[in-house]
Amino acid sequence: MPEFDWRSPDSYKSLKDAEITDIAWECLRRNADYRRDFEAMIANGPDGEVTAAFRRKWGICFRP
């Protein structure tokens, strides 16, 4: 599988028909602060669960 090239329009073809939440997720998952907080929460939390405080901080919810 070729490495993702963020400069290539071909890399974003899947987002053509994306919902706004899909685009928001693409932006959030690339945020270094979010990734750091997520990894820390998973490493330090009970059973690796996403906490309410984390969801509030980042303004997200996870689908059941």
PDB file of N, CA and C in Angstrom:
ATOM      1  N   MET A   1       0.848  -1.187   0.000  1.00  0.00           N
ATOM      2  CA  MET A   1       0.000   0.000   0.000  1.00  0.00           C
ATOM      3  C   MET A   1       0.892   1.248   0.000  1.00  0.00           C
ATOM      4  N   PRO A   2       0.664   2.172  -0.933  1.00  0.00           N
ATOM      5  CA  PRO A   2       1.490   3.380  -0.976  1.00  0.00           C
ATOM      6  C   PRO A   2       1.237   4.265   0.234  1.00  0.00           C
ATOM      7  N   GLU A   3       2.263   5.003   0.603  1.00  0.00           N
ATOM      8  CA  GLU A   3       2.145   5.913   1.742  1.00  0.00           C
ATOM      9  C   GLU A   3       1.204   7.067   1.388  1.00  0.00           C
ATOM     10  N   PHE A   4       0.447   7.525   2.370  1.00  0.00           N
ATOM     11  CA  PHE A   4      -0.498   8.622   2.180  1.00  0.00           C
ATOM     12  C   PHE A   4       0.260   9.900   1.842  1.00  0.00           C
ATOM     13  N   ASP A   5      -0.154  10.595   0.788  1.00  0.00           N
ATOM     14  CA  ASP A   5       0.442  11.866   0.394  1.00  0.00           C
ATOM     15  C   ASP A   5      -0.609  12.957   0.549  1.00  0.00           C
ATOM     16  N   TRP A   6      -0.497  13.749   1.596  1.00  0.00           N
ATOM     17  CA  TRP A   6      -1.519  14.748   1.888  1.00  0.00           C
ATOM     18  C   TRP A   6      -1.585  15.829   0.823  1.00  0.00           C
ATOM     19  N   ARG A   7      -0.577  15.930  -0.028  1.00  0.00           N
ATOM     20  CA  ARG A   7      -0.589  16.938  -1.083  1.00  0.00           C
ATOM     21  C   ARG A   7      -1.319  16.472  -2.342  1.00  0.00           C
ATOM     22  N   SER A   8      -1.563  15.184  -2.426  1.00  0.00           N
ATOM     23  CA  SER A   8      -2.156  14.616  -3.625  1.00  0.00           C
ATOM     24  C   SER A   8      -3.681  14.644  -3.574  1.00  0.00           C
ATOM     25  N   PRO A   9      -4.320  15.220  -4.585  1.00  0.00           N
ATOM     26  CA  PRO A   9      -5.794  15.202  -4.626  1.00  0.00           C
ATOM     27  C   PRO A   9      -6.362  13.783  -4.620  1.00  0.00           C
ATOM     28  N   ASP A  10      -5.618  12.828  -5.161  1.00  0.00           N
ATOM     29  CA  ASP A  10      -6.083  11.437  -5.175  1.00  0.00           C
ATOM     30  C   ASP A  10      -6.259  10.879  -3.765  1.00  0.00           C
ATOM     31  N   SER A  11      -5.486  11.389  -2.826  1.00  0.00           N
ATOM     32  CA  SER A  11      -5.581  10.917  -1.450  1.00  0.00           C
ATOM     33  C   SER A  11      -6.894  11.310  -0.790  1.00  0.00           C
ATOM     34  N   TYR A  12      -7.586  12.277  -1.362  1.00  0.00           N
ATOM     35  CA  TYR A  12      -8.807  12.790  -0.747  1.00  0.00           C
ATOM     36  C   TYR A  12     -10.077  12.417  -1.508  1.00  0.00           C
ATOM     37  N   LYS A  13      -9.952  11.543  -2.480  1.00  0.00           N
ATOM     38  CA  LYS A  13     -11.132  11.147  -3.257  1.00  0.00           C
ATOM     39  C   LYS A  13     -12.229  10.571  -2.369  1.00  0.00           C
ATOM     40  N   SER A  14     -11.839   9.854  -1.332  1.00  0.00           N
ATOM     41  CA  SER A  14     -12.844   9.244  -0.455  1.00  0.00           C
ATOM     42  C   SER A  14     -13.638  10.285   0.327  1.00  0.00           C
ATOM     43  N   LEU A  15     -13.124  11.492   0.426  1.00  0.00           N
ATOM     44  CA  LEU A  15     -13.829  12.544   1.166  1.00  0.00           C
ATOM     45  C   LEU A  15     -14.828  13.310   0.296  1.00  0.00           C
ATOM     46  N   LYS A  16     -14.860  13.004  -0.982  1.00  0.00           N
ATOM     47  CA  LYS A  16     -15.751  13.714  -1.899  1.00  0.00           C
ATOM     48  C   LYS A  16     -17.205  13.683  -1.424  1.00  0.00           C
ATOM     49  N   ASP A  17     -17.655  12.541  -0.970  1.00  0.00           N
ATOM     50  CA  ASP A  17     -19.035  12.383  -0.512  1.00  0.00           C
ATOM     51  C   ASP A  17     -19.127  12.245   1.002  1.00  0.00           C
ATOM     52  N   ALA A  18     -18.108  12.721   1.691  1.00  0.00           N
ATOM     53  CA  ALA A  18     -18.039  12.548   3.145  1.00  0.00           C
ATOM     54  C   ALA A  18     -19.038  13.454   3.871  1.00  0.00           C
ATOM     55  N   GLU A  19     -19.488  12.966   5.010  1.00  0.00           N
ATOM     56  CA  GLU A  19     -20.315  13.770   5.917  1.00  0.00           C
ATOM     57  C   GLU A  19     -19.402  14.765   6.634  1.00  0.00           C
ATOM     58  N   ILE A  20     -19.983  15.808   7.181  1.00  0.00           N
ATOM     59  CA  ILE A  20     -19.200  16.810   7.915  1.00  0.00           C
ATOM     60  C   ILE A  20     -18.468  16.175   9.097  1.00  0.00           C
ATOM     61  N   THR A  21     -19.073  15.179   9.725  1.00  0.00           N
ATOM     62  CA  THR A  21     -18.411  14.516  10.848  1.00  0.00           C
ATOM     63  C   THR A  21     -17.176  13.742  10.400  1.00  0.00           C
ATOM     64  N   ASP A  22     -17.210  13.202   9.180  1.00  0.00           N
ATOM     65  CA  ASP A  22     -16.043  12.500   8.649  1.00  0.00           C
ATOM     66  C   ASP A  22     -14.882  13.470   8.427  1.00  0.00           C
ATOM     67  N   ILE A  23     -15.198  14.641   7.912  1.00  0.00           N
ATOM     68  CA  ILE A  23     -14.168  15.652   7.675  1.00  0.00           C
ATOM     69  C   ILE A  23     -13.619  16.169   9.001  1.00  0.00           C
ATOM     70  N   ALA A  24     -14.504  16.384   9.965  1.00  0.00           N
ATOM     71  CA  ALA A  24     -14.062  16.834  11.290  1.00  0.00           C
ATOM     72  C   ALA A  24     -13.130  15.807  11.912  1.00  0.00           C
ATOM     73  N   TRP A  25     -13.470  14.525  11.769  1.00  0.00           N
ATOM     74  CA  TRP A  25     -12.614  13.469  12.314  1.00  0.00           C
ATOM     75  C   TRP A  25     -11.239  13.479  11.643  1.00  0.00           C
ATOM     76  N   GLU A  26     -11.198  13.683  10.327  1.00  0.00           N
ATOM     77  CA  GLU A  26      -9.917  13.741   9.621  1.00  0.00           C
ATOM     78  C   GLU A  26      -9.041  14.848  10.200  1.00  0.00           C
ATOM     79  N   CYS A  27      -9.643  15.986  10.492  1.00  0.00           N
ATOM     80  CA  CYS A  27      -8.877  17.099  11.069  1.00  0.00           C
ATOM     81  C   CYS A  27      -8.426  16.789  12.491  1.00  0.00           C
ATOM     82  N   LEU A  28      -9.334  16.274  13.295  1.00  0.00           N
ATOM     83  CA  LEU A  28      -9.017  16.004  14.695  1.00  0.00           C
ATOM     84  C   LEU A  28      -7.943  14.947  14.842  1.00  0.00           C
ATOM     85  N   ARG A  29      -8.029  13.873  14.091  1.00  0.00           N
ATOM     86  CA  ARG A  29      -7.075  12.779  14.258  1.00  0.00           C
ATOM     87  C   ARG A  29      -5.655  13.173  13.868  1.00  0.00           C
ATOM     88  N   ARG A  30      -5.518  14.265  13.146  1.00  0.00           N
ATOM     89  CA  ARG A  30      -4.183  14.748  12.771  1.00  0.00           C
ATOM     90  C   ARG A  30      -3.617  15.742  13.777  1.00  0.00           C
ATOM     91  N   ASN A  31      -4.423  16.120  14.746  1.00  0.00           N
ATOM     92  CA  ASN A  31      -4.009  17.092  15.753  1.00  0.00           C
ATOM     93  C   ASN A  31      -3.081  16.415  16.761  1.00  0.00           C
ATOM     94  N   ALA A  32      -1.851  16.894  16.856  1.00  0.00           N
ATOM     95  CA  ALA A  32      -0.858  16.276  17.735  1.00  0.00           C
ATOM     96  C   ALA A  32      -1.283  16.314  19.201  1.00  0.00           C
ATOM     97  N   ASP A  33      -1.914  17.392  19.638  1.00  0.00           N
ATOM     98  CA  ASP A  33      -2.373  17.485  21.031  1.00  0.00           C
ATOM     99  C   ASP A  33      -3.463  16.455  21.313  1.00  0.00           C
ATOM    100  N   TYR A  34      -4.391  16.287  20.377  1.00  0.00           N
ATOM    101  CA  TYR A  34      -5.432  15.280  20.537  1.00  0.00           C
ATOM    102  C   TYR A  34      -4.823  13.885  20.623  1.00  0.00           C
ATOM    103  N   ARG A  35      -3.912  13.559  19.715  1.00  0.00           N
ATOM    104  CA  ARG A  35      -3.296  12.227  19.724  1.00  0.00           C
ATOM    105  C   ARG A  35      -2.556  11.971  21.028  1.00  0.00           C
ATOM    106  N   ARG A  36      -1.843  12.980  21.520  1.00  0.00           N
ATOM    107  CA  ARG A  36      -1.112  12.838  22.777  1.00  0.00           C
ATOM    108  C   ARG A  36      -2.086  12.607  23.946  1.00  0.00           C
ATOM    109  N   ASP A  37      -3.163  13.405  24.007  1.00  0.00           N
ATOM    110  CA  ASP A  37      -4.158  13.251  25.074  1.00  0.00           C
ATOM    111  C   ASP A  37      -4.843  11.887  25.004  1.00  0.00           C
ATOM    112  N   PHE A  38      -5.161  11.442  23.798  1.00  0.00           N
ATOM    113  CA  PHE A  38      -5.819  10.150  23.628  1.00  0.00           C
ATOM    114  C   PHE A  38      -4.925   9.014  24.100  1.00  0.00           C
ATOM    115  N   GLU A  39      -3.669   9.028  23.674  1.00  0.00           N
ATOM    116  CA  GLU A  39      -2.738   7.971  24.084  1.00  0.00           C
ATOM    117  C   GLU A  39      -2.555   7.966  25.597  1.00  0.00           C
ATOM    118  N   ALA A  40      -2.443   9.138  26.202  1.00  0.00           N
ATOM    119  CA  ALA A  40      -2.281   9.226  27.651  1.00  0.00           C
ATOM    120  C   ALA A  40      -3.526   8.709  28.369  1.00  0.00           C
ATOM    121  N   MET A  41      -4.693   9.058  27.871  1.00  0.00           N
ATOM    122  CA  MET A  41      -5.931   8.611  28.497  1.00  0.00           C
ATOM    123  C   MET A  41      -6.051   7.094  28.429  1.00  0.00           C
ATOM    124  N   ILE A  42      -5.771   6.512  27.267  1.00  0.00           N
ATOM    125  CA  ILE A  42      -5.862   5.068  27.098  1.00  0.00           C
ATOM    126  C   ILE A  42      -4.841   4.362  27.994  1.00  0.00           C
ATOM    127  N   ALA A  43      -3.641   4.890  28.061  1.00  0.00           N
ATOM    128  CA  ALA A  43      -2.581   4.268  28.858  1.00  0.00           C
ATOM    129  C   ALA A  43      -2.863   4.342  30.354  1.00  0.00           C
ATOM    130  N   ASN A  44      -3.500   5.424  30.790  1.00  0.00           N
ATOM    131  CA  ASN A  44      -3.678   5.653  32.228  1.00  0.00           C
ATOM    132  C   ASN A  44      -5.081   5.366  32.740  1.00  0.00           C
ATOM    133  N   GLY A  45      -6.034   5.190  31.843  1.00  0.00           N
ATOM    134  CA  GLY A  45      -7.417   5.026  32.262  1.00  0.00           C
ATOM    135  C   GLY A  45      -7.777   3.585  32.563  1.00  0.00           C
ATOM    136  N   PRO A  46      -8.859   3.401  33.287  1.00  0.00           N
ATOM    137  CA  PRO A  46      -9.318   2.045  33.586  1.00  0.00           C
ATOM    138  C   PRO A  46      -9.856   1.372  32.322  1.00  0.00           C
ATOM    139  N   ASP A  47      -9.331   0.222  32.019  1.00  0.00           N
ATOM    140  CA  ASP A  47      -9.782  -0.581  30.869  1.00  0.00           C
ATOM    141  C   ASP A  47      -9.687   0.156  29.538  1.00  0.00           C
ATOM    142  N   GLY A  48      -8.884   1.200  29.450  1.00  0.00           N
ATOM    143  CA  GLY A  48      -8.714   1.924  28.204  1.00  0.00           C
ATOM    144  C   GLY A  48      -9.970   2.609  27.700  1.00  0.00           C
ATOM    145  N   GLU A  49     -10.863   2.969  28.610  1.00  0.00           N
ATOM    146  CA  GLU A  49     -12.121   3.601  28.217  1.00  0.00           C
ATOM    147  C   GLU A  49     -11.944   5.100  27.979  1.00  0.00           C
ATOM    148  N   VAL A  50     -12.737   5.621  27.058  1.00  0.00           N
ATOM    149  CA  VAL A  50     -12.746   7.054  26.786  1.00  0.00           C
ATOM    150  C   VAL A  50     -13.572   7.727  27.878  1.00  0.00           C
ATOM    151  N   THR A  51     -12.989   8.720  28.516  1.00  0.00           N
ATOM    152  CA  THR A  51     -13.652   9.368  29.640  1.00  0.00           C
ATOM    153  C   THR A  51     -14.551  10.513  29.183  1.00  0.00           C
ATOM    154  N   ALA A  52     -15.497  10.861  30.035  1.00  0.00           N
ATOM    155  CA  ALA A  52     -16.388  11.986  29.756  1.00  0.00           C
ATOM    156  C   ALA A  52     -15.591  13.285  29.679  1.00  0.00           C
ATOM    157  N   ALA A  53     -14.581  13.425  30.530  1.00  0.00           N
ATOM    158  CA  ALA A  53     -13.757  14.637  30.514  1.00  0.00           C
ATOM    159  C   ALA A  53     -13.028  14.781  29.179  1.00  0.00           C
ATOM    160  N   PHE A  54     -12.540  13.680  28.652  1.00  0.00           N
ATOM    161  CA  PHE A  54     -11.867  13.697  27.353  1.00  0.00           C
ATOM    162  C   PHE A  54     -12.837  14.103  26.255  1.00  0.00           C
ATOM    163  N   ARG A  55     -14.029  13.522  26.283  1.00  0.00           N
ATOM    164  CA  ARG A  55     -15.024  13.857  25.265  1.00  0.00           C
ATOM    165  C   ARG A  55     -15.405  15.330  25.333  1.00  0.00           C
ATOM    166  N   ARG A  56     -15.567  15.856  26.552  1.00  0.00           N
ATOM    167  CA  ARG A  56     -15.909  17.273  26.700  1.00  0.00           C
ATOM    168  C   ARG A  56     -14.775  18.160  26.203  1.00  0.00           C
ATOM    169  N   LYS A  57     -13.545  17.817  26.576  1.00  0.00           N
ATOM    170  CA  LYS A  57     -12.400  18.636  26.191  1.00  0.00           C
ATOM    171  C   LYS A  57     -12.293  18.768  24.676  1.00  0.00           C
ATOM    172  N   TRP A  58     -12.506  17.660  23.972  1.00  0.00           N
ATOM    173  CA  TRP A  58     -12.329  17.654  22.524  1.00  0.00           C
ATOM    174  C   TRP A  58     -13.642  17.820  21.759  1.00  0.00           C
ATOM    175  N   GLY A  59     -14.759  17.919  22.469  1.00  0.00           N
ATOM    176  CA  GLY A  59     -16.044  18.162  21.817  1.00  0.00           C
ATOM    177  C   GLY A  59     -16.477  17.023  20.924  1.00  0.00           C
ATOM    178  N   ILE A  60     -16.269  15.804  21.383  1.00  0.00           N
ATOM    179  CA  ILE A  60     -16.586  14.640  20.553  1.00  0.00           C
ATOM    180  C   ILE A  60     -17.475  13.664  21.293  1.00  0.00           C
ATOM    181  N   CYS A  61     -18.085  12.791  20.528  1.00  0.00           N
ATOM    182  CA  CYS A  61     -18.786  11.658  21.106  1.00  0.00           C
ATOM    183  C   CYS A  61     -18.497  10.460  20.215  1.00  0.00           C
ATOM    184  N   PHE A  62     -18.554   9.286  20.788  1.00  0.00           N
ATOM    185  CA  PHE A  62     -18.282   8.071  20.039  1.00  0.00           C
ATOM    186  C   PHE A  62     -19.560   7.318  19.853  1.00  0.00           C
ATOM    187  N   ARG A  63     -19.768   6.827  18.655  1.00  0.00           N
ATOM    188  CA  ARG A  63     -20.973   6.057  18.371  1.00  0.00           C
ATOM    189  C   ARG A  63     -20.922   4.730  19.100  1.00  0.00           C
ATOM    190  N   PRO A  64     -22.086   4.297  19.609  1.00  0.00           N
ATOM    191  CA  PRO A  64     -22.104   3.004  20.302  1.00  0.00           C
ATOM    192  C   PRO A  64     -21.859   1.855  19.356  1.00  0.00           C
TER     193      PRO A  64
END
